[in-house]
N, C-alpha and C. Protein backbone atom coordinates (compact mmCIF):
# COMPACT_ATOMS: atom_id res chain seq x y z
N UNK A 1 18.99 -16.49 8.18
CA UNK A 1 19.11 -17.75 8.94
C UNK A 1 20.57 -17.92 9.27
N UNK A 2 20.67 -18.11 10.75
CA UNK A 2 22.08 -18.47 11.19
C UNK A 2 22.68 -19.64 10.51
N UNK A 3 23.69 -19.53 10.14
CA UNK A 3 24.41 -20.62 9.21
C UNK A 3 24.72 -21.88 10.22
N UNK A 4 24.82 -21.57 11.32
CA UNK A 4 25.03 -22.69 12.41
C UNK A 4 23.95 -23.71 12.50
N UNK A 5 22.72 -23.13 12.05
CA UNK A 5 21.53 -23.99 11.91
C UNK A 5 21.34 -25.00 10.90
N UNK A 6 22.37 -24.62 9.71
CA UNK A 6 22.14 -25.48 8.48
C UNK A 6 23.55 -26.08 8.08
N UNK A 7 24.57 -25.74 8.99
CA UNK A 7 25.98 -26.09 8.55
C UNK A 7 26.09 -27.63 8.36
N UNK A 8 26.53 -28.10 7.50
CA UNK A 8 26.84 -29.54 7.28
C UNK A 8 28.02 -30.15 8.01
N UNK A 9 27.79 -31.27 8.52
CA UNK A 9 28.74 -32.09 9.29
C UNK A 9 30.12 -32.37 8.20
N UNK A 10 29.92 -32.40 7.02
CA UNK A 10 30.78 -32.80 6.07
C UNK A 10 31.43 -31.39 5.54
N UNK A 11 32.80 -31.16 5.83
CA UNK A 11 33.38 -29.95 5.43
C UNK A 11 34.62 -30.06 4.61
N UNK A 12 34.85 -29.17 3.67
CA UNK A 12 36.01 -28.88 2.90
C UNK A 12 37.11 -28.06 3.64
N UNK A 13 38.09 -28.69 4.08
CA UNK A 13 39.16 -28.11 4.90
C UNK A 13 40.13 -27.27 4.01
N UNK A 14 40.64 -27.78 2.88
CA UNK A 14 41.50 -27.07 1.99
C UNK A 14 41.63 -27.82 0.50
N UNK A 15 42.27 -27.19 -0.20
CA UNK A 15 42.37 -27.84 -1.69
C UNK A 15 43.73 -27.27 -1.97
N UNK A 16 44.04 -28.12 -3.07
CA UNK A 16 45.42 -27.70 -3.87
C UNK A 16 45.29 -28.22 -5.31
N UNK A 17 46.01 -27.50 -6.17
CA UNK A 17 46.07 -27.91 -7.54
C UNK A 17 47.22 -28.83 -7.61
N UNK A 18 47.06 -30.11 -8.01
CA UNK A 18 47.99 -31.06 -7.92
C UNK A 18 48.68 -31.11 -9.51
N UNK A 19 47.86 -30.90 -10.52
CA UNK A 19 48.36 -30.83 -11.88
C UNK A 19 47.60 -29.79 -12.66
N UNK A 20 48.28 -29.19 -13.45
CA UNK A 20 47.58 -28.16 -14.50
C UNK A 20 48.52 -28.13 -15.63
N UNK A 21 47.74 -28.59 -16.76
CA UNK A 21 48.56 -28.54 -18.13
C UNK A 21 47.60 -28.05 -19.19
N UNK A 22 48.29 -27.00 -19.80
CA UNK A 22 47.33 -26.09 -20.83
C UNK A 22 48.22 -26.07 -22.14
N UNK A 23 47.63 -26.39 -23.26
CA UNK A 23 48.31 -26.19 -24.56
C UNK A 23 47.45 -25.49 -25.28
N UNK A 24 47.91 -24.46 -25.89
CA UNK A 24 47.01 -23.54 -26.60
C UNK A 24 47.56 -22.96 -27.92
N UNK A 25 46.72 -22.98 -29.14
CA UNK A 25 47.01 -22.33 -30.32
C UNK A 25 46.12 -21.14 -30.65
N UNK A 26 45.00 -20.96 -29.78
CA UNK A 26 44.01 -19.87 -29.93
C UNK A 26 44.72 -18.51 -29.73
N UNK A 27 44.34 -17.51 -30.33
CA UNK A 27 44.68 -16.08 -30.11
C UNK A 27 43.35 -15.56 -29.53
N UNK A 28 42.29 -15.84 -30.04
CA UNK A 28 41.06 -15.37 -29.53
C UNK A 28 39.99 -16.62 -29.43
N UNK A 29 39.37 -16.84 -28.38
CA UNK A 29 38.53 -17.88 -28.16
C UNK A 29 37.09 -17.37 -27.95
N UNK A 30 36.23 -18.11 -28.85
CA UNK A 30 34.97 -17.75 -28.88
C UNK A 30 34.01 -19.01 -28.57
N UNK A 31 33.54 -19.16 -27.52
CA UNK A 31 32.83 -20.39 -27.17
C UNK A 31 31.62 -20.66 -28.06
N UNK A 32 31.13 -19.62 -28.74
CA UNK A 32 29.93 -19.81 -29.52
C UNK A 32 30.15 -20.29 -31.02
N UNK A 33 31.52 -20.26 -31.35
CA UNK A 33 31.93 -20.74 -32.61
C UNK A 33 31.85 -22.26 -32.71
N UNK A 34 31.24 -22.92 -33.86
CA UNK A 34 31.18 -24.37 -33.84
C UNK A 34 32.44 -25.09 -34.04
N UNK A 35 32.65 -26.09 -33.58
CA UNK A 35 33.85 -26.87 -33.54
C UNK A 35 33.70 -28.02 -32.54
N UNK A 36 34.74 -28.77 -32.51
CA UNK A 36 34.68 -30.01 -31.52
C UNK A 36 35.06 -29.66 -30.29
N UNK A 37 34.29 -29.84 -29.21
CA UNK A 37 34.42 -29.40 -27.77
C UNK A 37 34.12 -30.48 -26.99
N UNK A 38 34.98 -30.74 -25.97
CA UNK A 38 34.69 -31.87 -25.07
C UNK A 38 35.17 -31.57 -23.56
N UNK A 39 34.36 -31.90 -22.55
CA UNK A 39 34.65 -31.71 -21.25
C UNK A 39 34.44 -33.04 -20.55
N UNK A 40 35.48 -33.54 -19.80
CA UNK A 40 35.27 -34.86 -19.17
C UNK A 40 35.69 -34.59 -17.73
N UNK A 41 35.01 -35.29 -16.79
CA UNK A 41 35.27 -35.24 -15.52
C UNK A 41 35.33 -36.52 -14.82
N UNK A 42 36.28 -36.82 -13.89
CA UNK A 42 36.44 -37.94 -13.18
C UNK A 42 36.95 -37.80 -11.79
N UNK A 43 37.02 -38.60 -10.89
CA UNK A 43 37.34 -38.56 -9.62
C UNK A 43 38.08 -39.87 -9.06
N UNK A 44 38.85 -39.43 -7.94
CA UNK A 44 39.42 -40.57 -7.30
C UNK A 44 39.48 -40.42 -5.88
N UNK A 45 39.02 -41.22 -5.00
CA UNK A 45 39.16 -41.14 -3.60
C UNK A 45 40.45 -41.55 -3.13
N UNK A 46 41.45 -40.62 -2.73
CA UNK A 46 42.94 -40.87 -2.57
C UNK A 46 43.07 -41.58 -1.12
N UNK A 47 42.25 -41.21 -0.15
CA UNK A 47 42.45 -41.63 1.24
C UNK A 47 41.42 -41.27 2.13
N UNK A 48 41.07 -42.26 2.91
CA UNK A 48 40.13 -42.02 4.07
C UNK A 48 40.70 -42.46 5.38
N UNK A 49 40.41 -42.00 6.42
CA UNK A 49 41.04 -42.41 7.74
C UNK A 49 40.19 -41.88 8.71
N UNK A 50 40.28 -42.43 10.03
CA UNK A 50 39.71 -41.74 11.28
C UNK A 50 40.78 -41.31 12.25
N UNK A 51 40.79 -40.16 12.67
CA UNK A 51 41.64 -39.62 13.56
C UNK A 51 40.91 -39.74 14.99
N UNK A 52 41.22 -40.72 15.75
CA UNK A 52 40.50 -41.00 16.90
C UNK A 52 40.42 -39.89 17.99
N UNK A 53 41.89 -39.43 18.34
CA UNK A 53 41.91 -38.61 19.29
C UNK A 53 41.30 -37.05 18.91
N UNK A 54 41.07 -36.81 17.76
CA UNK A 54 40.03 -35.69 17.29
C UNK A 54 38.84 -36.01 16.97
N UNK A 55 38.30 -37.24 17.03
CA UNK A 55 36.99 -37.61 16.83
C UNK A 55 36.60 -37.10 15.37
N UNK A 56 37.50 -37.34 14.48
CA UNK A 56 37.21 -36.87 13.17
C UNK A 56 37.44 -38.01 12.05
N UNK A 57 36.73 -38.04 10.96
CA UNK A 57 37.01 -38.80 9.75
C UNK A 57 37.61 -37.85 8.70
N UNK A 58 38.51 -38.19 8.16
CA UNK A 58 39.06 -37.30 7.07
C UNK A 58 39.16 -38.09 5.74
N UNK A 59 39.27 -37.19 4.80
CA UNK A 59 39.32 -37.93 3.38
C UNK A 59 39.99 -37.00 2.33
N UNK A 60 40.70 -37.55 1.24
CA UNK A 60 41.36 -36.78 0.32
C UNK A 60 40.68 -37.31 -0.99
N UNK A 61 40.37 -36.30 -1.89
CA UNK A 61 39.82 -36.52 -2.97
C UNK A 61 40.29 -35.84 -4.31
N UNK A 62 40.60 -36.42 -5.40
CA UNK A 62 41.06 -35.91 -6.53
C UNK A 62 39.94 -35.64 -7.55
N UNK A 63 39.82 -34.47 -8.19
CA UNK A 63 38.81 -34.42 -9.24
C UNK A 63 39.63 -33.96 -10.44
N UNK A 64 39.42 -34.69 -11.57
CA UNK A 64 40.29 -34.56 -12.66
C UNK A 64 39.16 -33.98 -13.84
N UNK A 65 39.62 -32.96 -14.21
CA UNK A 65 38.89 -32.17 -15.30
C UNK A 65 39.79 -32.07 -16.68
N UNK A 66 39.27 -32.60 -17.68
CA UNK A 66 39.88 -32.52 -18.97
C UNK A 66 38.85 -31.70 -19.93
N UNK A 67 39.56 -30.59 -20.48
CA UNK A 67 38.84 -29.85 -21.52
C UNK A 67 39.59 -29.70 -22.85
N UNK A 68 38.83 -30.00 -23.89
CA UNK A 68 39.47 -29.68 -25.25
C UNK A 68 38.52 -29.16 -26.16
N UNK A 69 39.13 -28.36 -27.07
CA UNK A 69 38.31 -27.66 -28.13
C UNK A 69 39.23 -27.48 -29.37
N UNK A 70 38.55 -27.72 -30.42
CA UNK A 70 39.34 -27.41 -31.87
C UNK A 70 38.27 -26.80 -32.89
N UNK A 71 38.62 -25.74 -33.17
CA UNK A 71 37.73 -24.88 -34.03
C UNK A 71 38.68 -24.39 -35.13
N UNK A 72 38.27 -24.91 -36.46
CA UNK A 72 39.12 -24.71 -37.41
C UNK A 72 40.49 -25.30 -37.30
N UNK A 73 41.48 -24.58 -37.36
CA UNK A 73 42.91 -25.27 -37.15
C UNK A 73 43.46 -24.93 -35.77
N UNK A 74 42.66 -24.11 -34.94
CA UNK A 74 43.18 -23.87 -33.61
C UNK A 74 42.57 -24.91 -32.71
N UNK A 75 43.36 -24.96 -31.47
CA UNK A 75 42.90 -26.03 -30.50
C UNK A 75 43.58 -25.72 -29.09
N UNK A 76 42.95 -26.17 -28.26
CA UNK A 76 43.70 -26.04 -26.90
C UNK A 76 43.02 -27.44 -26.06
N UNK A 77 44.00 -27.69 -25.14
CA UNK A 77 43.67 -28.76 -24.18
C UNK A 77 44.09 -28.30 -22.81
N UNK A 78 43.32 -28.85 -21.95
CA UNK A 78 43.66 -28.46 -20.59
C UNK A 78 43.31 -29.52 -19.63
N UNK A 79 44.20 -29.97 -18.70
CA UNK A 79 43.87 -30.88 -17.68
C UNK A 79 44.27 -30.30 -16.50
N UNK A 80 43.31 -30.64 -15.40
CA UNK A 80 43.58 -30.08 -14.06
C UNK A 80 43.16 -31.07 -13.33
N UNK A 81 44.03 -31.36 -12.10
CA UNK A 81 43.58 -32.16 -11.06
C UNK A 81 43.65 -31.42 -9.73
N UNK A 82 42.51 -31.37 -9.04
CA UNK A 82 42.28 -30.63 -7.84
C UNK A 82 42.07 -31.44 -6.79
N UNK A 83 42.68 -31.46 -5.70
CA UNK A 83 42.73 -32.44 -4.47
C UNK A 83 42.02 -31.65 -3.45
N UNK A 84 41.00 -32.14 -2.90
CA UNK A 84 40.42 -31.52 -1.65
C UNK A 84 40.41 -32.46 -0.43
N UNK A 85 40.63 -31.84 0.70
CA UNK A 85 40.78 -32.42 1.95
C UNK A 85 39.59 -32.20 2.78
N UNK A 86 38.94 -33.16 3.20
CA UNK A 86 37.48 -33.13 3.90
C UNK A 86 37.58 -33.66 5.23
N UNK A 87 36.61 -33.35 6.15
CA UNK A 87 36.49 -34.00 7.30
C UNK A 87 34.87 -33.90 7.85
N UNK A 88 34.63 -34.88 8.63
CA UNK A 88 33.35 -35.02 9.36
C UNK A 88 33.53 -35.69 10.73
N UNK A 89 32.61 -35.56 11.32
CA UNK A 89 32.77 -36.36 12.87
C UNK A 89 32.74 -37.79 12.61
N UNK A 90 33.72 -38.37 13.47
CA UNK A 90 33.91 -39.83 13.39
C UNK A 90 32.63 -40.81 13.40
N UNK A 91 31.62 -40.25 14.18
CA UNK A 91 30.31 -41.15 14.25
C UNK A 91 29.63 -41.22 12.90
N UNK A 92 30.06 -40.45 11.70
CA UNK A 92 29.52 -40.56 10.48
C UNK A 92 30.05 -41.97 10.02
N UNK A 93 29.19 -42.71 9.52
CA UNK A 93 29.72 -44.12 8.93
C UNK A 93 30.57 -43.95 7.77
N UNK A 94 31.51 -44.99 7.53
CA UNK A 94 32.51 -44.89 6.47
C UNK A 94 31.63 -44.71 5.18
N UNK A 95 30.68 -45.55 4.97
CA UNK A 95 29.81 -45.49 3.79
C UNK A 95 29.10 -44.16 3.47
N UNK A 96 28.63 -43.46 4.57
CA UNK A 96 28.15 -42.09 4.49
C UNK A 96 29.15 -41.23 3.95
N UNK A 97 30.32 -41.29 4.64
CA UNK A 97 31.46 -40.45 4.41
C UNK A 97 31.78 -40.47 2.93
N UNK A 98 32.05 -41.76 2.64
CA UNK A 98 32.53 -42.01 1.10
C UNK A 98 31.46 -41.47 0.17
N UNK A 99 30.20 -41.59 0.33
CA UNK A 99 29.14 -41.15 -0.34
C UNK A 99 29.19 -39.46 -0.37
N UNK A 100 29.43 -39.03 0.78
CA UNK A 100 29.57 -37.45 0.82
C UNK A 100 30.80 -37.04 0.02
N UNK A 101 32.01 -37.75 -0.02
CA UNK A 101 33.09 -37.48 -0.80
C UNK A 101 32.88 -37.47 -2.25
N UNK A 102 31.98 -38.48 -2.66
CA UNK A 102 31.60 -38.62 -4.09
C UNK A 102 30.78 -37.64 -4.71
N UNK A 103 29.57 -37.23 -3.82
CA UNK A 103 28.68 -36.19 -4.32
C UNK A 103 29.08 -34.83 -4.00
N UNK A 104 29.16 -34.51 -2.64
CA UNK A 104 29.59 -33.16 -2.06
C UNK A 104 31.05 -32.74 -2.31
N UNK A 105 31.92 -33.68 -2.26
CA UNK A 105 33.16 -33.38 -2.57
C UNK A 105 33.56 -33.02 -3.98
N UNK A 106 32.90 -33.90 -4.85
CA UNK A 106 33.11 -33.59 -6.36
C UNK A 106 32.34 -32.20 -6.67
N UNK A 107 31.24 -32.02 -6.10
CA UNK A 107 30.63 -30.72 -6.29
C UNK A 107 31.45 -29.59 -5.85
N UNK A 108 31.96 -29.59 -4.55
CA UNK A 108 32.61 -28.57 -4.13
C UNK A 108 33.99 -28.27 -5.00
N UNK A 109 34.70 -29.29 -5.27
CA UNK A 109 36.00 -29.25 -6.16
C UNK A 109 35.69 -28.84 -7.59
N UNK A 110 34.50 -29.29 -8.17
CA UNK A 110 34.14 -28.80 -9.45
C UNK A 110 34.02 -27.32 -9.45
N UNK A 111 33.29 -26.82 -8.34
CA UNK A 111 33.04 -25.36 -8.40
C UNK A 111 34.43 -24.56 -8.36
N UNK A 112 35.16 -25.07 -7.58
CA UNK A 112 36.62 -24.56 -7.46
C UNK A 112 37.26 -24.60 -8.84
N UNK A 113 37.21 -25.74 -9.47
CA UNK A 113 37.86 -26.05 -10.73
C UNK A 113 37.25 -25.07 -11.91
N UNK A 114 35.95 -24.64 -11.85
CA UNK A 114 35.34 -23.75 -12.70
C UNK A 114 36.06 -22.49 -12.47
N UNK A 115 36.25 -21.93 -11.50
CA UNK A 115 37.00 -20.67 -11.23
C UNK A 115 38.44 -20.72 -11.72
N UNK A 116 39.05 -21.66 -11.39
CA UNK A 116 40.52 -21.77 -11.79
C UNK A 116 40.54 -21.84 -13.39
N UNK A 117 39.82 -22.73 -14.00
CA UNK A 117 39.82 -22.80 -15.54
C UNK A 117 39.39 -21.46 -16.21
N UNK A 118 38.40 -20.78 -15.62
CA UNK A 118 37.89 -19.56 -16.25
C UNK A 118 39.12 -18.61 -16.15
N UNK A 119 39.71 -18.52 -15.04
CA UNK A 119 40.76 -17.37 -14.74
C UNK A 119 42.12 -17.80 -15.64
N UNK A 120 42.48 -18.95 -15.52
CA UNK A 120 43.59 -19.49 -16.32
C UNK A 120 43.46 -19.29 -17.74
N UNK A 121 42.25 -19.72 -18.47
CA UNK A 121 41.89 -19.57 -19.77
C UNK A 121 41.93 -18.13 -20.13
N UNK A 122 41.35 -17.15 -19.30
CA UNK A 122 41.40 -15.84 -19.60
C UNK A 122 42.63 -15.07 -19.77
N UNK A 123 43.71 -15.80 -18.99
CA UNK A 123 44.93 -15.16 -19.10
C UNK A 123 45.73 -15.91 -20.35
N UNK A 124 45.30 -16.79 -20.78
CA UNK A 124 46.08 -17.67 -21.83
C UNK A 124 45.48 -17.08 -23.26
N UNK A 125 44.32 -16.79 -23.44
CA UNK A 125 43.82 -16.27 -24.72
C UNK A 125 44.00 -14.71 -24.72
N UNK A 126 44.21 -14.08 -25.86
CA UNK A 126 44.20 -12.68 -25.79
C UNK A 126 42.84 -12.15 -25.58
N UNK A 127 41.93 -13.04 -26.04
CA UNK A 127 40.28 -12.43 -25.66
C UNK A 127 39.65 -13.78 -25.55
N UNK A 128 38.73 -13.82 -24.61
CA UNK A 128 37.84 -15.00 -24.21
C UNK A 128 38.29 -15.75 -23.23
N UNK A 129 37.55 -16.68 -22.77
CA UNK A 129 37.68 -17.70 -21.74
C UNK A 129 36.82 -18.89 -21.75
N UNK A 130 37.17 -19.81 -21.07
CA UNK A 130 36.49 -21.05 -21.00
C UNK A 130 35.70 -20.99 -19.67
N UNK A 131 34.37 -21.22 -19.89
CA UNK A 131 33.41 -21.30 -18.60
C UNK A 131 32.86 -22.69 -18.70
N UNK A 132 33.24 -23.58 -17.75
CA UNK A 132 32.52 -24.81 -17.69
C UNK A 132 30.98 -24.77 -17.10
N UNK A 133 30.20 -25.65 -17.73
CA UNK A 133 28.90 -25.61 -17.40
C UNK A 133 28.81 -26.30 -15.92
N UNK A 134 27.74 -25.81 -15.31
CA UNK A 134 27.40 -26.52 -14.00
C UNK A 134 26.94 -27.99 -14.37
N UNK A 135 27.16 -28.85 -13.45
CA UNK A 135 26.84 -30.21 -13.63
C UNK A 135 26.14 -30.71 -12.39
N UNK A 136 25.46 -31.71 -12.55
CA UNK A 136 24.66 -32.42 -11.59
C UNK A 136 25.42 -33.79 -11.03
N UNK A 137 26.16 -33.69 -9.91
CA UNK A 137 26.98 -34.96 -9.69
C UNK A 137 26.15 -36.07 -9.05
N UNK A 138 24.95 -35.70 -8.64
CA UNK A 138 24.05 -36.86 -8.40
C UNK A 138 23.69 -37.79 -9.60
N UNK A 139 23.42 -37.14 -10.58
CA UNK A 139 23.19 -37.65 -11.97
C UNK A 139 24.46 -38.31 -12.50
N UNK A 140 25.63 -37.73 -12.26
CA UNK A 140 26.98 -38.25 -12.79
C UNK A 140 27.04 -39.53 -12.04
N UNK A 141 26.80 -39.83 -10.67
CA UNK A 141 27.17 -40.92 -10.08
C UNK A 141 25.99 -41.98 -10.30
N UNK A 142 24.70 -41.60 -10.73
CA UNK A 142 23.70 -42.50 -11.17
C UNK A 142 24.12 -43.25 -12.34
N UNK A 143 24.63 -42.31 -13.32
CA UNK A 143 25.22 -42.92 -14.61
C UNK A 143 26.48 -43.69 -14.49
N UNK A 144 27.28 -43.40 -13.71
CA UNK A 144 28.40 -44.21 -13.29
C UNK A 144 28.09 -45.63 -12.81
N UNK A 145 27.09 -45.58 -11.81
CA UNK A 145 26.51 -46.89 -11.42
C UNK A 145 26.01 -47.57 -12.42
N UNK A 146 25.28 -46.78 -13.20
CA UNK A 146 24.39 -47.77 -14.36
C UNK A 146 25.39 -48.34 -15.13
N UNK A 147 26.33 -47.66 -15.58
CA UNK A 147 27.45 -48.09 -16.46
C UNK A 147 28.14 -49.24 -15.90
N UNK A 148 28.50 -49.20 -14.50
CA UNK A 148 29.29 -50.37 -13.86
C UNK A 148 28.36 -51.60 -13.79
N UNK A 149 26.95 -51.20 -13.72
CA UNK A 149 25.94 -52.51 -13.80
C UNK A 149 25.94 -53.09 -15.11
N UNK A 150 25.93 -52.36 -16.10
CA UNK A 150 25.89 -52.84 -17.47
C UNK A 150 27.07 -53.46 -18.00
N UNK A 151 28.25 -53.14 -17.38
CA UNK A 151 29.46 -53.68 -17.86
C UNK A 151 29.74 -55.10 -17.45
N UNK A 152 30.11 -56.09 -18.34
CA UNK A 152 30.31 -57.42 -17.79
C UNK A 152 31.38 -57.44 -16.72
N UNK A 153 31.22 -58.01 -15.70
CA UNK A 153 32.27 -58.07 -14.62
C UNK A 153 33.55 -59.00 -15.08
N UNK A 154 34.46 -58.38 -14.69
CA UNK A 154 35.89 -59.12 -14.87
C UNK A 154 36.35 -60.02 -13.96
N UNK A 155 36.79 -61.25 -14.37
CA UNK A 155 37.21 -62.28 -13.25
C UNK A 155 38.58 -61.94 -12.97
């Protein structure tokens, strides 16, 4: 199938690693060993705007990934912030563009983050690496909305 027939109006233009912190005491890392492991993900829409002369809507999104593991007396922590730059035609509504950033933008940046974290961790351990699981960002935002609805509003 010709990609032009299915190409999304919402596009990732580029990305950059804003922050990468890694602390490690593992020599060999085995994901299958029992221990305390945690992966957290969050996001922040940094900027949205319309560039009228180019008929484009643009946005910047940060995806924050925190990974930690403690097995026996060994531990590692990793924090990565990946910033993506996106665009879409300016006729896309601001609400739709923001929703696309939240779902598609997070999904795109998380996939990039998976590769970065796998690569960095494989170079940090003498053997082994961290492979982030795939996630469902539609479900992520459903839970996020549910939590904000369940939380008492602050005055």
